[in-house]
Structure formats: structure tokens, C-alpha cells
Amino acid sequence: MKIIRTQKSYATSDGAGVNIKRIAGFDGKSLDPYLMIDELKSDDESDYMAGFPPHPHRGIETFTYIRKGGFEHQDQMGNKKAIRSGDVQWMSTGRGVVHSEMPLADDSNGMHGFQIWLNMPAKEKMRPPRYQDSTESGVPTLANDQQATLLALAGSWRMNGQHVDGAIMGLAGEGAIADVILPPNSAMLLDVSTHEKVLIYIHSGSLYETEFGAGSLLEVAPSEALTLRAGTQGLGALVLAGQPIGEQIAHMGPFVMNTQQQLREAVRDYQLGRFGDIV
């Protein structure tokens, strides 16, 4: 595994005061096609129960994955769904979405989840919004003889010669996201040769014989064989792969477009009520 670049998540807050750790890449280069990785992990309800009241988006896709606890999602398209441990949810906002995400606490285990933003190509930013979740289908998994497990959250994956399609397909930038769980001192072999961008975000444990532990993001060179080895505490990591979009980015809060004029139009359309309302 050739590591190209590393980055450490930083503490911040969002929504109505939710404490999170964030990796941001709104330069359009460092994470492309991804824009942001937010991790919410806490046993203290005061860190997250205020949630994310109704707010707009345009020009991005949001991908939510829950490991512990849950969120209730509601939007102007009429979707109202609770996602809980093991579920994923994808919203391709296109020309405009208004949604809320309110935490569902797990009294025993607290909250642990991720929201990931993906950029949308310019030609798709103004198409109608789309929504999908895994609450009925579940998330497919693969495991090897060392009990290393891959949860195929989105996109297609190959592990040790096995193939699986994820719970959500069709992400922007051919995005593919997996949660990999490795017992102590075990290994997993992934084929990521079809992707130009490959990122690893460690959420627990560490990589074998490295200083990289929880909160570390690694960009690695794509190859046919990506070997992940766990340290003595095991390893839990999101692997994010995709094809860079390579377009100019203009970013303002929940809106990601290609020009400043398009951002002004997004603000105007939202203020005029053209995104709709949650009812």
C-alpha cells in the first residue's frame, strides 16, 4: 500500500450544536469526488441530541451511515424514515432539497455514525432530487477466513476474489463506500483497480505497524491489490473510492455549485420557497 497523503480529522460542530470530527476537501482536488467526511461518535447525549433541524442543499449527494444509535430523516419529497445501526441512506439533492436529521439515541451504546458529502457533476446539479435507504434491503457483507468483514455500503467491491454490490448504487463520481472490520493482526485484500481515488478513514484501532489510528485519513495509490492489516487492537475503517470529477467548485454552506452566480441563484431560490417545505 503506497500512501500518497495523510490528514487528521478536527473537532467542530454543525446543525444545532452537534459535536463532530470532520475531514473537509472543498478545494475540488484533495478528496474528489468526495467533499467532506463527518464522524459523530459520543456516549454523551448533549453532544448530538440537538440534531440537524430543517435546512437546504443543492448540488451535492449526502450519504449517511449509522453504526450505533440512529437518525430520523424527513424531507420535502415526503420521505420520513428512521435509520438505525447498520443502515445507510443516500440523498442526491440535485436542484434542491430541504431535510432534517434528528438523532435517535441508543441508551446503551450512544451514537456513532457518518455523513459523507459527494460532489455532483455540473450536468447533474439541477436534476430532480433522489432518495434511497437500506432499511428494507439491508447491507451486503463479505468475510474471509480470518474473519475480516467488509460491509458494502455503496458501490461494487471485490475482496479476496469475491464480488458484491453495495446497498446503494449509482453514487456521483462512481462512489463506492465500505466499512471494513478486521480482528487483531488479521488482513484483508481489496481490488480497487477500477478507481482513481482511494481513501481510508480509520474510525477504530490502527493499521499494523504504523502510527495511523482513529481519526486518520489516508489517500493511497489505486492498485489491483490493496492489503489492509490490523494492529493488535484490530481495525475499523471506511474505505471510500471513486472517480474524480475534476470541475471547478463554488461552496457556500449547504450549497456546492460551479460558480458564484450559481450560489447566489441557489440562495435566492431557497429564500423564494422554490425548494419546497417539510410537511
Protein backbone atom coordinates (compact mmCIF):
# COMPACT_ATOMS: atom_id res chain seq x y z
CA MET A 1 0.00 0.00 0.00
CA LYS A 2 1.52 3.30 -1.12
CA ILE A 3 0.31 6.23 0.98
CA ILE A 4 0.12 9.46 -1.04
CA ARG A 5 -1.18 11.87 1.59
CA THR A 6 -2.50 11.85 5.15
CA GLN A 7 -4.86 14.12 7.05
CA LYS A 8 -6.24 14.20 10.59
CA SER A 9 -9.86 14.95 11.43
CA TYR A 10 -10.57 18.02 13.53
CA ALA A 11 -13.27 18.78 16.10
CA THR A 12 -16.07 21.14 15.11
CA SER A 13 -19.85 21.48 15.42
CA ASP A 14 -22.74 21.69 12.98
CA GLY A 15 -26.51 21.70 12.91
CA ALA A 16 -28.00 22.91 16.19
CA GLY A 17 -24.73 22.31 18.04
CA VAL A 18 -23.81 18.70 17.20
CA ASN A 19 -20.19 17.90 18.06
CA ILE A 20 -18.41 16.09 15.24
CA LYS A 21 -15.00 15.31 13.79
CA ARG A 22 -14.54 16.49 10.20
CA ILE A 23 -12.35 16.00 7.15
CA ALA A 24 -13.14 18.67 4.54
CA GLY A 25 -11.97 18.95 0.95
CA PHE A 26 -13.91 21.72 -0.79
CA ASP A 27 -10.92 22.56 -2.97
CA GLY A 28 -12.25 20.07 -5.50
CA LYS A 29 -8.96 18.17 -5.56
CA SER A 30 -7.91 16.55 -2.28
CA LEU A 31 -10.96 14.30 -1.78
CA ASP A 32 -12.62 14.48 -5.23
CA PRO A 33 -15.31 13.16 -5.81
CA TYR A 34 -15.86 13.42 -2.04
CA LEU A 35 -16.23 16.79 -0.36
CA MET A 36 -16.50 16.05 3.33
CA ILE A 37 -16.43 13.22 5.88
CA ASP A 38 -18.14 13.92 9.22
CA GLU A 39 -17.91 11.45 12.10
CA LEU A 40 -20.30 11.67 15.05
CA LYS A 41 -19.16 9.48 17.93
CA SER A 42 -20.18 10.06 21.53
CA ASP A 43 -21.75 8.46 24.59
CA ASP A 44 -22.90 11.88 25.82
CA GLU A 45 -26.36 12.84 24.51
CA SER A 46 -25.58 16.53 24.90
CA ASP A 47 -23.07 16.15 22.05
CA TYR A 48 -25.71 15.26 19.47
CA MET A 49 -29.37 15.32 20.59
CA ALA A 50 -29.97 18.88 19.25
CA GLY A 51 -29.64 17.33 15.80
CA PHE A 52 -29.94 18.96 12.41
CA PRO A 53 -33.24 20.90 12.07
CA PRO A 54 -34.64 21.65 8.57
CA HIS A 55 -32.02 23.01 6.19
CA PRO A 56 -31.46 23.13 2.39
CA HIS A 57 -28.98 21.55 -0.01
CA ARG A 58 -28.22 21.90 -3.71
CA GLY A 59 -25.57 20.33 -5.94
CA ILE A 60 -24.35 17.52 -3.66
CA GLU A 61 -25.12 14.00 -2.51
CA THR A 62 -25.32 13.16 1.19
CA PHE A 63 -24.56 9.63 2.36
CA THR A 64 -25.33 8.70 5.97
CA TYR A 65 -24.15 5.53 7.72
CA ILE A 66 -25.14 4.60 11.26
CA ARG A 67 -23.04 2.23 13.38
CA LYS A 68 -24.75 2.95 16.72
CA GLY A 69 -27.91 4.87 17.58
CA GLY A 70 -29.97 6.31 14.75
CA PHE A 71 -31.40 9.30 12.89
CA GLU A 72 -34.88 10.16 11.69
CA HIS A 73 -34.73 11.77 8.26
CA GLN A 74 -37.54 13.89 6.82
CA ASP A 75 -37.62 15.88 3.55
CA GLN A 76 -39.89 17.87 1.26
CA MET A 77 -40.21 14.89 -1.11
CA GLY A 78 -42.36 13.16 1.51
CA ASN A 79 -39.71 10.79 2.84
CA LYS A 80 -39.79 10.20 6.59
CA LYS A 81 -37.54 7.34 7.64
CA ALA A 82 -35.66 6.22 10.73
CA ILE A 83 -32.28 4.65 10.07
CA ARG A 84 -30.55 2.71 12.84
CA SER A 85 -27.44 0.65 13.48
CA GLY A 86 -26.22 -0.90 10.21
CA ASP A 87 -28.40 1.25 7.94
CA VAL A 88 -27.33 3.64 5.19
CA GLN A 89 -29.19 6.46 3.48
CA TRP A 90 -28.42 8.36 0.28
CA MET A 91 -29.88 11.63 -0.91
CA SER A 92 -28.90 13.04 -4.29
CA THR A 93 -30.04 16.63 -3.79
CA GLY A 94 -29.83 17.86 -7.36
CA ARG A 95 -31.58 21.22 -7.77
CA GLY A 96 -32.82 21.38 -4.22
CA VAL A 97 -33.78 19.53 -1.05
CA VAL A 98 -34.95 20.65 2.38
CA HIS A 99 -34.45 18.00 5.05
CA SER A 100 -33.97 17.44 8.77
CA GLU A 101 -31.99 14.76 10.60
CA MET A 102 -32.85 14.25 14.25
CA PRO A 103 -30.94 11.77 16.45
CA LEU A 104 -32.45 8.63 17.91
CA ALA A 105 -30.37 7.83 20.99
CA ASP A 106 -29.11 4.38 21.89
CA ASP A 107 -29.24 4.40 25.70
CA SER A 108 -26.74 1.54 25.93
CA ASN A 109 -24.21 2.37 23.21
CA GLY A 110 -24.53 6.09 22.46
CA MET A 111 -24.14 7.38 18.89
CA HIS A 112 -21.66 6.56 16.16
CA GLY A 113 -22.30 7.49 12.56
CA PHE A 114 -21.00 9.25 9.48
CA GLN A 115 -22.29 11.72 6.96
CA ILE A 116 -20.32 11.93 3.74
CA TRP A 117 -20.81 14.55 1.03
CA LEU A 118 -20.07 13.82 -2.62
CA ASN A 119 -19.86 16.42 -5.36
CA MET A 120 -22.21 16.16 -8.33
CA PRO A 121 -21.07 16.80 -11.91
CA ALA A 122 -22.21 20.17 -13.29
CA LYS A 123 -24.52 18.49 -15.80
CA GLU A 124 -26.47 16.79 -12.97
CA LYS A 125 -26.60 19.50 -10.31
CA MET A 126 -30.01 20.79 -11.42
CA ARG A 127 -31.79 17.48 -11.98
CA PRO A 128 -34.63 16.36 -9.67
CA PRO A 129 -33.58 15.06 -6.23
CA ARG A 130 -33.48 11.34 -5.37
CA TYR A 131 -33.65 9.37 -2.12
CA GLN A 132 -32.82 5.79 -1.14
CA ASP A 133 -32.04 3.83 2.04
CA SER A 134 -31.22 0.28 3.13
CA THR A 135 -33.90 -0.19 5.79
CA GLU A 136 -35.65 -2.93 3.80
CA SER A 137 -32.79 -4.44 1.79
CA GLY A 138 -30.03 -4.44 4.43
CA VAL A 139 -26.29 -4.06 3.77
CA PRO A 140 -24.47 -6.93 1.96
CA THR A 141 -21.31 -8.27 3.59
CA LEU A 142 -18.24 -10.33 2.69
CA ALA A 143 -15.87 -12.13 5.06
CA ASN A 144 -12.60 -14.01 4.66
CA ASP A 145 -11.06 -16.94 6.54
CA GLN A 146 -9.51 -14.54 9.10
CA GLN A 147 -12.99 -13.21 9.99
CA ALA A 148 -12.19 -9.87 8.41
CA THR A 149 -15.51 -8.39 7.27
CA LEU A 150 -16.48 -5.90 4.58
CA LEU A 151 -19.85 -4.14 4.78
CA ALA A 152 -20.68 -2.99 1.25
CA LEU A 153 -22.42 0.31 1.96
CA ALA A 154 -22.36 1.63 -1.62
CA GLY A 155 -20.89 0.72 -5.00
CA SER A 156 -19.21 -2.50 -6.10
CA TRP A 157 -16.43 -4.26 -4.15
CA ARG A 158 -14.03 -7.15 -4.66
CA MET A 159 -12.40 -8.81 -1.65
CA ASN A 160 -10.13 -11.85 -1.96
CA GLY A 161 -11.70 -12.71 -5.32
CA GLN A 162 -15.28 -12.29 -4.08
CA HIS A 163 -17.62 -9.66 -5.55
CA VAL A 164 -20.55 -7.81 -4.00
CA ASP A 165 -22.74 -4.83 -4.95
CA GLY A 166 -23.45 -2.45 -2.11
CA ALA A 167 -26.75 -1.42 -0.56
CA ILE A 168 -26.81 1.80 -2.63
CA MET A 169 -25.64 2.01 -6.23
CA GLY A 170 -25.25 4.97 -8.59
CA LEU A 171 -23.41 7.48 -6.40
CA ALA A 172 -21.87 10.51 -8.08
CA GLY A 173 -18.30 10.01 -9.25
CA GLU A 174 -18.87 6.23 -9.26
CA GLY A 175 -18.55 6.44 -5.49
CA ALA A 176 -18.03 3.23 -3.52
CA ILE A 177 -18.03 3.13 0.29
CA ALA A 178 -17.33 0.18 2.60
CA ASP A 179 -16.89 -0.31 6.33
CA VAL A 180 -14.13 -2.85 6.94
CA ILE A 181 -13.76 -4.56 10.32
CA LEU A 182 -10.56 -6.55 10.98
CA PRO A 183 -9.83 -8.57 14.13
CA PRO A 184 -6.41 -8.03 15.75
CA ASN A 185 -3.47 -8.94 13.48
CA SER A 186 -5.73 -10.02 10.59
CA ALA A 187 -5.61 -8.85 6.97
CA MET A 188 -7.93 -8.12 4.04
CA LEU A 189 -7.16 -7.90 0.32
CA LEU A 190 -9.23 -5.45 -1.77
CA ASP A 191 -9.15 -4.90 -5.51
CA VAL A 192 -9.51 -1.14 -6.09
CA SER A 193 -8.03 -1.06 -9.58
CA THR A 194 -11.18 0.43 -11.17
CA HIS A 195 -10.98 3.62 -9.07
CA GLU A 196 -8.64 6.59 -9.46
CA LYS A 197 -9.25 7.91 -5.92
CA VAL A 198 -8.94 5.64 -2.86
CA LEU A 199 -9.28 6.96 0.70
CA ILE A 200 -9.14 5.17 4.05
CA TYR A 201 -10.66 6.77 7.16
CA ILE A 202 -9.77 4.91 10.36
CA HIS A 203 -12.53 5.03 12.98
CA SER A 204 -11.18 2.46 15.45
CA GLY A 205 -8.00 0.50 16.13
CA SER A 206 -4.98 1.06 13.90
CA LEU A 207 -3.09 -0.11 10.83
CA TYR A 208 -0.39 -2.70 11.52
CA GLU A 209 2.99 -1.24 12.45
CA THR A 210 2.01 2.38 11.69
CA GLU A 211 1.16 5.45 13.74
CA PHE A 212 -2.19 5.79 11.97
CA GLY A 213 -5.13 5.36 14.31
CA ALA A 214 -8.68 6.67 14.83
CA GLY A 215 -9.36 9.97 13.06
CA SER A 216 -6.68 9.47 10.39
CA LEU A 217 -7.45 9.78 6.68
CA LEU A 218 -5.06 8.18 4.20
CA GLU A 219 -5.09 8.63 0.44
CA VAL A 220 -3.50 5.59 -1.16
CA ALA A 221 -2.39 4.84 -4.68
CA PRO A 222 -5.01 2.79 -6.54
CA SER A 223 -3.88 -0.70 -7.43
CA GLU A 224 -5.20 -4.16 -8.11
CA ALA A 225 -4.24 -5.28 -4.61
CA LEU A 226 -4.80 -3.13 -1.53
CA THR A 227 -3.81 -5.05 1.60
CA LEU A 228 -5.15 -3.79 4.92
CA ARG A 229 -3.55 -5.20 8.07
CA ALA A 230 -4.87 -4.62 11.56
CA GLY A 231 -2.75 -3.81 14.58
CA THR A 232 -3.04 -5.50 17.95
CA GLN A 233 -6.30 -3.66 18.71
CA GLY A 234 -7.93 -4.59 15.41
CA LEU A 235 -9.02 -2.13 12.74
CA GLY A 236 -12.24 -0.43 11.78
CA ALA A 237 -12.13 1.85 8.73
CA LEU A 238 -14.22 3.33 5.98
CA VAL A 239 -12.77 2.77 2.51
CA LEU A 240 -14.00 5.37 0.03
CA ALA A 241 -13.26 5.04 -3.68
CA GLY A 242 -14.39 6.86 -6.81
CA GLN A 243 -13.51 8.74 -9.96
CA PRO A 244 -12.53 12.42 -9.57
CA ILE A 245 -14.96 14.82 -11.24
CA GLY A 246 -12.32 17.48 -11.78
CA GLU A 247 -14.60 20.52 -12.02
CA GLN A 248 -14.45 23.99 -10.50
CA ILE A 249 -16.16 24.19 -7.11
CA ALA A 250 -18.02 27.14 -5.58
CA HIS A 251 -19.06 26.39 -2.00
CA MET A 252 -21.34 28.24 0.42
CA GLY A 253 -22.61 26.30 3.43
CA PRO A 254 -25.08 23.64 2.23
CA PHE A 255 -24.71 24.59 -1.45
CA VAL A 256 -21.96 23.33 -3.77
CA MET A 257 -22.08 24.62 -7.33
CA ASN A 258 -19.56 25.60 -10.02
CA THR A 259 -19.76 29.42 -9.97
CA GLN A 260 -20.52 32.22 -7.51
CA GLN A 261 -23.50 33.23 -9.67
CA GLN A 262 -24.97 29.75 -9.25
CA LEU A 263 -24.55 30.05 -5.48
CA ARG A 264 -26.45 33.34 -5.50
CA GLU A 265 -29.21 31.67 -7.51
CA ALA A 266 -29.37 28.81 -5.00
CA VAL A 267 -29.78 31.23 -2.09
CA ARG A 268 -32.43 33.18 -3.98
CA ASP A 269 -34.39 30.07 -4.95
CA TYR A 270 -34.36 28.82 -1.36
CA GLN A 271 -35.48 32.18 0.01
CA LEU A 272 -38.32 32.27 -2.54
CA GLY A 273 -39.53 28.85 -1.35
CA ARG A 274 -38.64 27.01 -4.56
CA PHE A 275 -37.04 24.11 -2.64
CA GLY A 276 -40.37 23.24 -1.02
CA ASP A 277 -41.18 22.64 2.64
CA ILE A 278 -41.26 19.72 5.03
CA VAL A 279 -44.91 18.97 5.90
